[in-house]
Every structure is written in C-alpha cells, then in structure tokens.
C-alpha atoms as a PDB file:
ATOM      1  CA  MET A   1      -0.312   0.044  -0.269  1.00  0.00           C
ATOM      2  CA  GLY A   2       1.131   3.783  -1.011  1.00  0.00           C
ATOM      3  CA  VAL A   3       1.220   5.822   2.048  1.00  0.00           C
ATOM      4  CA  GLU A   4       1.563   9.487   1.639  1.00  0.00           C
ATOM      5  CA  ILE A   5       3.302  11.782   3.861  1.00  0.00           C
ATOM      6  CA  GLU A   6       2.739  15.612   3.732  1.00  0.00           C
ATOM      7  CA  ARG A   7       3.526  19.008   4.869  1.00  0.00           C
ATOM      8  CA  LYS A   8       1.551  22.006   3.984  1.00  0.00           C
ATOM      9  CA  PHE A   9       2.854  25.581   4.023  1.00  0.00           C
ATOM     10  CA  LEU A  10       1.659  28.948   3.083  1.00  0.00           C
ATOM     11  CA  VAL A  11       4.067  31.081   0.985  1.00  0.00           C
ATOM     12  CA  ARG A  12       4.498  34.166   2.234  1.00  0.00           C
ATOM     13  CA  ASP A  13       7.090  34.792  -0.823  1.00  0.00           C
ATOM     14  CA  PRO A  14       5.855  33.919  -4.149  1.00  0.00           C
ATOM     15  CA  THR A  15       8.550  35.952  -5.488  1.00  0.00           C
ATOM     16  CA  VAL A  16      10.043  32.531  -4.890  1.00  0.00           C
ATOM     17  CA  VAL A  17       8.807  30.627  -8.581  1.00  0.00           C
ATOM     18  CA  ALA A  18       9.610  33.847  -9.729  1.00  0.00           C
ATOM     19  CA  GLY A  19      11.514  32.908 -13.798  1.00  0.00           C
ATOM     20  CA  SER A  20       9.991  29.420 -13.084  1.00  0.00           C
ATOM     21  CA  ALA A  21       7.505  28.009 -15.872  1.00  0.00           C
ATOM     22  CA  GLY A  22       6.087  25.362 -14.042  1.00  0.00           C
ATOM     23  CA  THR A  23       4.228  23.161 -14.658  1.00  0.00           C
ATOM     24  CA  ARG A  24       0.001  23.351 -15.213  1.00  0.00           C
ATOM     25  CA  TYR A  25      -1.672  21.070 -13.522  1.00  0.00           C
ATOM     26  CA  ARG A  26      -6.156  21.166 -13.671  1.00  0.00           C
ATOM     27  CA  GLN A  27      -7.383  18.607 -10.822  1.00  0.00           C
ATOM     28  CA  GLY A  28     -10.850  17.488 -10.362  1.00  0.00           C
ATOM     29  CA  TYR A  29     -12.181  14.959  -7.583  1.00  0.00           C
ATOM     30  CA  LEU A  30     -15.306  12.511  -8.474  1.00  0.00           C
ATOM     31  CA  SER A  31     -15.460  11.994  -4.753  1.00  0.00           C
ATOM     32  CA  VAL A  32     -14.353  14.276  -1.585  1.00  0.00           C
ATOM     33  CA  ASP A  33     -15.756  11.216   0.847  1.00  0.00           C
ATOM     34  CA  PRO A  34     -13.626  12.261   3.777  1.00  0.00           C
ATOM     35  CA  GLU A  35     -13.117   8.423   3.950  1.00  0.00           C
ATOM     36  CA  ARG A  36     -11.487   8.213   0.701  1.00  0.00           C
ATOM     37  CA  THR A  37     -11.005  10.796  -2.201  1.00  0.00           C
ATOM     38  CA  VAL A  38     -11.053   9.797  -6.347  1.00  0.00           C
ATOM     39  CA  ARG A  39      -8.859  12.644  -7.997  1.00  0.00           C
ATOM     40  CA  VAL A  40      -8.674  12.697 -11.627  1.00  0.00           C
ATOM     41  CA  ARG A  41      -5.055  15.193 -13.033  1.00  0.00           C
ATOM     42  CA  VAL A  42      -3.486  15.999 -16.100  1.00  0.00           C
ATOM     43  CA  ALA A  43      -0.629  17.697 -15.348  1.00  0.00           C
ATOM     44  CA  GLY A  44       0.860  19.332 -18.386  1.00  0.00           C
ATOM     45  CA  GLU A  45       1.121  16.168 -21.061  1.00  0.00           C
ATOM     46  CA  ARG A  46       0.514  13.573 -18.586  1.00  0.00           C
ATOM     47  CA  ALA A  47      -2.821  12.043 -16.343  1.00  0.00           C
ATOM     48  CA  TYR A  48      -3.693  10.249 -13.504  1.00  0.00           C
ATOM     49  CA  VAL A  49      -5.649   9.054 -11.121  1.00  0.00           C
ATOM     50  CA  THR A  50      -5.367   9.383  -7.744  1.00  0.00           C
ATOM     51  CA  VAL A  51      -7.543   7.835  -4.690  1.00  0.00           C
ATOM     52  CA  LYS A  52      -6.129   8.817  -1.085  1.00  0.00           C
ATOM     53  CA  GLY A  53      -7.838   6.996   2.234  1.00  0.00           C
ATOM     54  CA  LEU A  54      -8.864   9.452   5.761  1.00  0.00           C
ATOM     55  CA  SER A  55      -5.724  12.161   6.542  1.00  0.00           C
ATOM     56  CA  ARG A  56      -4.079  10.917  10.198  1.00  0.00           C
ATOM     57  CA  GLY A  57      -1.559  13.787  10.848  1.00  0.00           C
ATOM     58  CA  PRO A  58       0.325  14.415   8.097  1.00  0.00           C
ATOM     59  CA  ALA A  59       0.284  10.839   6.483  1.00  0.00           C
ATOM     60  CA  ARG A  60      -2.481   8.694   4.315  1.00  0.00           C
ATOM     61  CA  ALA A  61      -2.742   5.455   2.136  1.00  0.00           C
ATOM     62  CA  GLU A  62      -2.658   7.118  -1.255  1.00  0.00           C
ATOM     63  CA  PHE A  63      -2.586   4.808  -4.713  1.00  0.00           C
ATOM     64  CA  GLU A  64      -1.296   6.764  -8.149  1.00  0.00           C
ATOM     65  CA  TYR A  65      -1.861   5.478 -11.817  1.00  0.00           C
ATOM     66  CA  GLU A  66      -0.954   6.900 -15.082  1.00  0.00           C
ATOM     67  CA  ILE A  67      -4.086   7.262 -17.240  1.00  0.00           C
ATOM     68  CA  PRO A  68      -4.594   8.387 -21.135  1.00  0.00           C
ATOM     69  CA  PRO A  69      -4.933  12.217 -20.703  1.00  0.00           C
ATOM     70  CA  ALA A  70      -8.402  12.195 -23.003  1.00  0.00           C
ATOM     71  CA  ASP A  71      -9.704   9.929 -20.677  1.00  0.00           C
ATOM     72  CA  ALA A  72      -8.533  11.664 -17.746  1.00  0.00           C
ATOM     73  CA  ASN A  73      -9.392  15.315 -19.475  1.00  0.00           C
ATOM     74  CA  ALA A  74     -13.465  13.039 -20.195  1.00  0.00           C
ATOM     75  CA  MET A  75     -13.366  11.896 -16.383  1.00  0.00           C
ATOM     76  CA  LEU A  76     -13.455  16.489 -15.824  1.00  0.00           C
ATOM     77  CA  ASP A  77     -15.334  17.730 -18.089  1.00  0.00           C
ATOM     78  CA  GLU A  78     -18.020  15.768 -18.049  1.00  0.00           C
ATOM     79  CA  LEU A  79     -18.101  13.902 -14.090  1.00  0.00           C
ATOM     80  CA  ALA A  80     -16.248  15.491 -11.861  1.00  0.00           C
ATOM     81  CA  LEU A  81     -17.215  18.121  -9.313  1.00  0.00           C
ATOM     82  CA  ARG A  82     -17.269  21.561  -9.550  1.00  0.00           C
ATOM     83  CA  PRO A  83     -15.033  24.013  -9.915  1.00  0.00           C
ATOM     84  CA  VAL A  84     -11.868  21.868 -11.305  1.00  0.00           C
ATOM     85  CA  ILE A  85      -8.811  23.281  -9.487  1.00  0.00           C
ATOM     86  CA  ASP A  86      -6.171  25.343 -11.892  1.00  0.00           C
ATOM     87  CA  LYS A  87      -2.715  25.218 -10.586  1.00  0.00           C
ATOM     88  CA  THR A  88       0.495  25.944 -11.974  1.00  0.00           C
ATOM     89  CA  ARG A  89       3.096  23.675  -9.987  1.00  0.00           C
ATOM     90  CA  HIS A  90       6.656  25.167  -9.329  1.00  0.00           C
ATOM     91  CA  ILE A  91      10.057  22.764  -7.970  1.00  0.00           C
ATOM     92  CA  VAL A  92      11.763  25.131  -5.812  1.00  0.00           C
ATOM     93  CA  GLU A  93      14.500  23.299  -3.761  1.00  0.00           C
ATOM     94  CA  ALA A  94      15.659  24.451  -0.533  1.00  0.00           C
ATOM     95  CA  GLY A  95      17.389  22.850   2.813  1.00  0.00           C
ATOM     96  CA  GLY A  96      18.956  19.408   0.349  1.00  0.00           C
ATOM     97  CA  ARG A  97      14.987  18.957  -0.013  1.00  0.00           C
ATOM     98  CA  ARG A  98      12.180  19.592  -3.354  1.00  0.00           C
ATOM     99  CA  TRP A  99       9.467  21.441  -2.376  1.00  0.00           C
ATOM    100  CA  GLU A 100       6.394  21.744  -4.778  1.00  0.00           C
ATOM    101  CA  VAL A 101       4.709  25.286  -4.866  1.00  0.00           C
ATOM    102  CA  ASP A 102       1.839  25.154  -6.427  1.00  0.00           C
ATOM    103  CA  VAL A 103       0.115  29.318  -7.602  1.00  0.00           C
ATOM    104  CA  PHE A 104      -3.631  29.129  -7.723  1.00  0.00           C
ATOM    105  CA  GLY A 105      -6.243  30.341 -10.381  1.00  0.00           C
ATOM    106  CA  GLY A 106      -9.527  30.734 -11.430  1.00  0.00           C
ATOM    107  CA  ALA A 107     -11.617  30.551  -7.745  1.00  0.00           C
ATOM    108  CA  ASN A 108      -8.680  29.851  -5.617  1.00  0.00           C
ATOM    109  CA  ALA A 109      -6.339  32.816  -7.594  1.00  0.00           C
ATOM    110  CA  GLY A 110      -4.223  34.445  -4.249  1.00  0.00           C
ATOM    111  CA  LEU A 111      -3.424  30.623  -3.198  1.00  0.00           C
ATOM    112  CA  VAL A 112      -0.419  29.764  -3.103  1.00  0.00           C
ATOM    113  CA  VAL A 113       0.907  26.803  -1.007  1.00  0.00           C
ATOM    114  CA  ALA A 114       3.941  24.382  -0.630  1.00  0.00           C
ATOM    115  CA  GLU A 115       4.240  21.225  -0.237  1.00  0.00           C
ATOM    116  CA  ILE A 116       7.425  18.651   1.149  1.00  0.00           C
ATOM    117  CA  GLU A 117       6.676  15.142   0.910  1.00  0.00           C
ATOM    118  CA  LEU A 118       8.274  12.994   3.566  1.00  0.00           C
ATOM    119  CA  GLU A 119      10.117   9.903   4.198  1.00  0.00           C
ATOM    120  CA  SER A 120       8.319   9.981   7.451  1.00  0.00           C
ATOM    121  CA  ALA A 121       6.079  11.316   9.957  1.00  0.00           C
ATOM    122  CA  ASP A 122       9.037  12.828  12.203  1.00  0.00           C
ATOM    123  CA  ALA A 123      11.843  13.268   9.481  1.00  0.00           C
ATOM    124  CA  PRO A 124      13.758  16.911   9.966  1.00  0.00           C
ATOM    125  CA  LEU A 125      13.096  19.747   7.583  1.00  0.00           C
ATOM    126  CA  GLU A 126      14.202  22.922   7.064  1.00  0.00           C
ATOM    127  CA  ILE A 127      11.942  25.829   6.565  1.00  0.00           C
ATOM    128  CA  PRO A 128      12.702  28.426   4.109  1.00  0.00           C
ATOM    129  CA  ALA A 129      12.371  31.875   5.400  1.00  0.00           C
ATOM    130  CA  TRP A 130       9.998  31.771   2.046  1.00  0.00           C
ATOM    131  CA  ALA A 131       7.108  29.368   3.661  1.00  0.00           C
ATOM    132  CA  GLY A 132       4.476  30.462   5.686  1.00  0.00           C
ATOM    133  CA  PRO A 133       2.451  28.938   8.290  1.00  0.00           C
ATOM    134  CA  GLU A 134       1.886  25.339   8.471  1.00  0.00           C
ATOM    135  CA  VAL A 135      -1.675  24.159   7.358  1.00  0.00           C
ATOM    136  CA  THR A 136      -0.822  20.625   7.472  1.00  0.00           C
ATOM    137  CA  GLY A 137      -3.643  19.573   8.933  1.00  0.00           C
ATOM    138  CA  ASP A 138      -6.617  22.671   7.969  1.00  0.00           C
ATOM    139  CA  PRO A 139      -8.970  20.945   6.015  1.00  0.00           C
ATOM    140  CA  ARG A 140      -9.629  23.992   4.204  1.00  0.00           C
ATOM    141  CA  TYR A 141      -6.512  23.828   2.135  1.00  0.00           C
ATOM    142  CA  TYR A 142      -6.839  20.648   1.077  1.00  0.00           C
ATOM    143  CA  ASN A 143      -7.423  20.384  -2.326  1.00  0.00           C
ATOM    144  CA  ALA A 144     -10.627  18.536  -2.531  1.00  0.00           C
ATOM    145  CA  SER A 145     -12.023  21.521  -0.089  1.00  0.00           C
ATOM    146  CA  LEU A 146     -11.076  24.149  -2.260  1.00  0.00           C
ATOM    147  CA  VAL A 147     -13.668  22.606  -5.191  1.00  0.00           C
ATOM    148  CA  ALA A 148     -16.423  22.923  -2.221  1.00  0.00           C
ATOM    149  CA  HIS A 149     -15.306  26.197  -0.572  1.00  0.00           C
ATOM    150  CA  PRO A 150     -12.354  27.926  -3.058  1.00  0.00           C
ATOM    151  CA  PHE A 151     -10.506  30.643  -1.720  1.00  0.00           C
ATOM    152  CA  ALA A 152     -12.200  33.480  -3.584  1.00  0.00           C
ATOM    153  CA  GLU A 153     -14.884  32.916  -1.036  1.00  0.00           C
ATOM    154  CA  TRP A 154     -12.669  32.716   1.709  1.00  0.00           C
ATOM    155  CA  ARG A 155     -14.044  35.425   4.216  1.00  0.00           C
ATOM    156  CA  ASP A 156     -11.291  34.862   7.083  1.00  0.00           C
ATOM    157  CA  ARG A 157      -7.967  34.813   4.737  1.00  0.00           C
END
C-alpha cells in the first residue's frame, strides 16, 4: 500500500517561483468523501487517477495510476465536481529538499501553498524563509475542500 507523508505551508514570498515556468495542473474530484477521495489530474502532458484515504496527521494511504490524458480530460469535463482546480506547480529546491509550490488560479486565485513529501512523519525539516504558517492539518487547504469552498469566497483569509 502506498502512503503519502506530506506537510503544507502557506507561501509568504511568492517570488520564490519567479523565473520558473512550472507545470500547469488541472484536477478535479469524483469523490470527496472524507474517508476516501478520488482525484483526476492532468499535469502537463500526463494524466493520473489517484485514490487517497483519510488523513492521519501528515500521513494517508495513496494509490496513483497513470491514465490516458483524453480519458482524464473527459472525466474532468463531464464527471468532476465543480470548480475544477487550476494551478501551476513549481519545483523549488531548499534545505536539501524538493518543495512543490502551487500557485492557484481560477476560483482559488491568490492562494499559494508549498508542499513537502517526507520519508517519515518525524523527519527533520528545515523550513525556508519564504514559507509561512503551516497548514498541514487545516482541511480548508485540502485541494478537495477548495472545490466546495474556493479561496475567493473565504472571508477570513
């Protein structure tokens, strides 16, 4: 079984991705049940379907499979809950680790989140100066939650 161990932080200084083209992501959810989410994602020229289990702190079960991009686009257009997430993912090296910095567009424009995948929940982590508050356990920042409650609608940002 695959397990994802991930921590998330708001980005204090979005210029950290300046000069990086990044990869455009289009992703939607077929299920957002808290016990299991089913995501379809087109990342550049590749596409995936991912099933994730319930989060337990920074860890949760994850199964991801590559699928034909045409199938993914059809699922996003015809089956996914609205709005479909639109973001650009940038890779930033910091503290000897590979951070993924997502700059959201569309209904979530203005939100910039950094994610770091770790080998264990207690792995040491040097948090870069451009990273802001940690939001790992805050469900508002889960991509699946951003479908039902887009960032543009938040009153308490």
